C-alpha cells in the first residue's frame, strides 16, 4: 500500500475537511494581521486556539483522505 502524499497539498485532491481547515487558517491569520497592524487592538482571549483547532481539523481530514476507502459509499 503506497500513500499518495499529494493529497496533503494538491488543491484538487483535498477533501472537505482539509479545505475548510485551510480556509479557516488563512482567514484567522488574516484577521490576526488586521487586528495587529491596522486596528491596534489586543487579540481576544483564546484567539490563538483557532490555529490549534484548524490544524486538528486538517489532520483529521488528512487521515480520512489518506486512509479512507476511495470506493466507499458517500452519504450526501
Protein backbone atom coordinates (compact mmCIF):
# COMPACT_ATOMS: atom_id res chain seq x y z
CA UNK A 1 0.00 0.00 0.00
CA UNK A 2 1.52 3.30 -1.03
CA UNK A 3 0.33 6.62 0.27
CA UNK A 4 -0.42 9.39 -2.19
CA UNK A 5 1.10 12.30 -0.27
CA UNK A 6 -0.13 14.77 -2.88
CA UNK A 7 -3.48 14.50 -1.04
CA UNK A 8 -1.89 16.69 1.63
CA UNK A 9 -1.04 19.69 -0.56
CA UNK A 10 -2.61 19.45 -4.03
CA UNK A 11 -5.78 21.60 -4.01
CA UNK A 12 -7.75 19.29 -6.30
CA UNK A 13 -7.01 16.30 -4.02
CA UNK A 14 -8.09 17.90 -0.72
CA UNK A 15 -11.29 16.70 0.92
CA UNK A 16 -13.87 18.98 2.53
CA UNK A 17 -12.30 18.84 6.00
CA UNK A 18 -8.90 19.85 4.66
CA UNK A 19 -10.35 22.63 2.51
CA UNK A 20 -12.38 24.07 5.40
CA UNK A 21 -9.35 23.88 7.70
CA UNK A 22 -7.06 25.68 5.25
CA UNK A 23 -9.67 28.34 4.57
CA UNK A 24 -10.19 28.85 8.32
CA UNK A 25 -6.45 29.03 8.90
CA UNK A 26 -6.00 31.67 6.19
CA UNK A 27 -8.97 33.71 7.42
CA UNK A 28 -7.76 33.54 11.04
CA UNK A 29 -4.27 34.60 10.01
CA UNK A 30 -5.75 37.49 8.01
CA UNK A 31 -7.84 38.61 10.98
CA UNK A 32 -4.78 38.30 13.21
CA UNK A 33 -2.77 40.58 10.89
CA UNK A 34 -5.59 43.11 10.58
CA UNK A 35 -6.07 43.29 14.34
CA UNK A 36 -2.35 43.61 14.95
CA UNK A 37 -1.33 46.13 12.27
CA UNK A 38 -4.43 48.15 11.42
CA UNK A 39 -6.77 48.16 14.40
CA UNK A 40 -4.13 48.17 17.15
CA UNK A 41 -6.27 46.12 19.49
CA UNK A 42 -5.18 43.19 21.56
CA UNK A 43 -6.33 39.81 20.30
CA UNK A 44 -9.41 38.38 22.02
CA UNK A 45 -8.57 35.85 24.69
CA UNK A 46 -8.32 32.39 23.24
CA UNK A 47 -7.85 33.62 19.68
CA UNK A 48 -4.71 31.54 19.23
CA UNK A 49 -6.73 28.38 19.94
CA UNK A 50 -8.24 28.84 16.49
CA UNK A 51 -4.92 27.79 14.98
CA UNK A 52 -4.89 24.59 17.05
CA UNK A 53 -8.49 23.82 16.02
CA UNK A 54 -7.85 24.39 12.31
CA UNK A 55 -4.68 22.28 12.49
CA UNK A 56 -6.57 19.48 14.24
CA UNK A 57 -9.33 19.56 11.62
CA UNK A 58 -6.72 19.45 8.85
CA UNK A 59 -5.01 16.44 10.45
CA UNK A 60 -8.33 14.59 10.82
CA UNK A 61 -9.22 15.38 7.20
CA UNK A 62 -5.79 14.24 6.06
CA UNK A 63 -6.14 10.92 7.85
CA UNK A 64 -9.56 10.39 6.30
CA UNK A 65 -8.20 11.34 2.88
CA UNK A 66 -5.09 9.15 3.12
CA UNK A 67 -6.58 6.06 4.73
CA UNK A 68 -10.23 6.23 3.63
CA UNK A 69 -11.59 3.76 1.14
CA UNK A 70 -11.95 5.51 -2.24
CA UNK A 71 -14.80 3.22 -3.34
CA UNK A 72 -16.73 3.72 -0.09
CA UNK A 73 -20.30 5.00 -0.49
CA UNK A 74 -20.66 8.66 0.44
CA UNK A 75 -23.79 9.72 2.31
CA UNK A 76 -24.86 13.05 0.84
